[in-house]
C-alpha cells in the first residue's frame, strides 16, 4: 500500500514539492530535509487550519519514505507530534487516514522508527482505533491495522507486547471479515497469523490412486 502511495507521489506530488529538480543526489537529499523541516514547522503552528497541519503530517510521511534513510531519520523527530493527531476527536475520518498514511511512510522498513513508535505507545492507540466499539469508519480501521502490521514487521518487542491479547484477537477477527478489496493483502489476517492467533489450514490434494488406497486398501 505504501508503494502505491509512493507511485502516486512520483506522478502527482513530487513535481509540486521539488519543481525543476535536476540536481545531484546530495541536492535531492537536502531538499527532502528542507521540506521535512518546513512541514514540521506547519505541524507545530497551531494558528494554521487543522487541514493544513494534517497535510503537513501526510507530506512528512511521503518525504520520509521516498527520501531514504536520512530522510526517515529526520522525519522521526516529528513522530510524537504526528501521533498526537490521532487522538484529536475533531479529525474527520479522511484526515485521520492521512495521519495514518504519514506515520506508515515514516515507519515502513525502518526499524529504528518502528522502535520509536513502540516506545511512544503508538500500538496502543492503533488498537483503540481498531476496536469494534470505536465509531470510526472501516477504512480508518484498516489503515490502523496496516500501520500496526508495519510496526510488527521484524520487530519482536512489539510482537511480544501484543501476543496473548484476547481483545486484539477479537478486534482483528472482526476486521478480517471485512472486504479488503483494493488492498494488497488482508492485513487483519496477516496480523492474526503473525501473532499466532490463527493458523491457515493446509489443504492437501490427494491423487486418485491415494484416495482409492485410503478407501479400499486392506
Foldseek 3Di string as FASTA:
>chain_A
DLVVVLVCCVVPPVCVQPPPPPDDLVVVLVSLLVLLVVLLVLLPPPVDDPLSNLVSLLVLLNSLQVNPDVSLVSSLVCVVSLLVVLVDPPDALVSLLSSLNSLLSSLAVDQVSLVVCVVSVSLVSLLVCLQPPHPHDLVSNQSSLVSLVSSPVVPVVSLVVPAPDPRLLVSLVVSLPDDPPPDPDSSSVVNCVVSVNDDDDDDDDDDPVVVCCVVPND
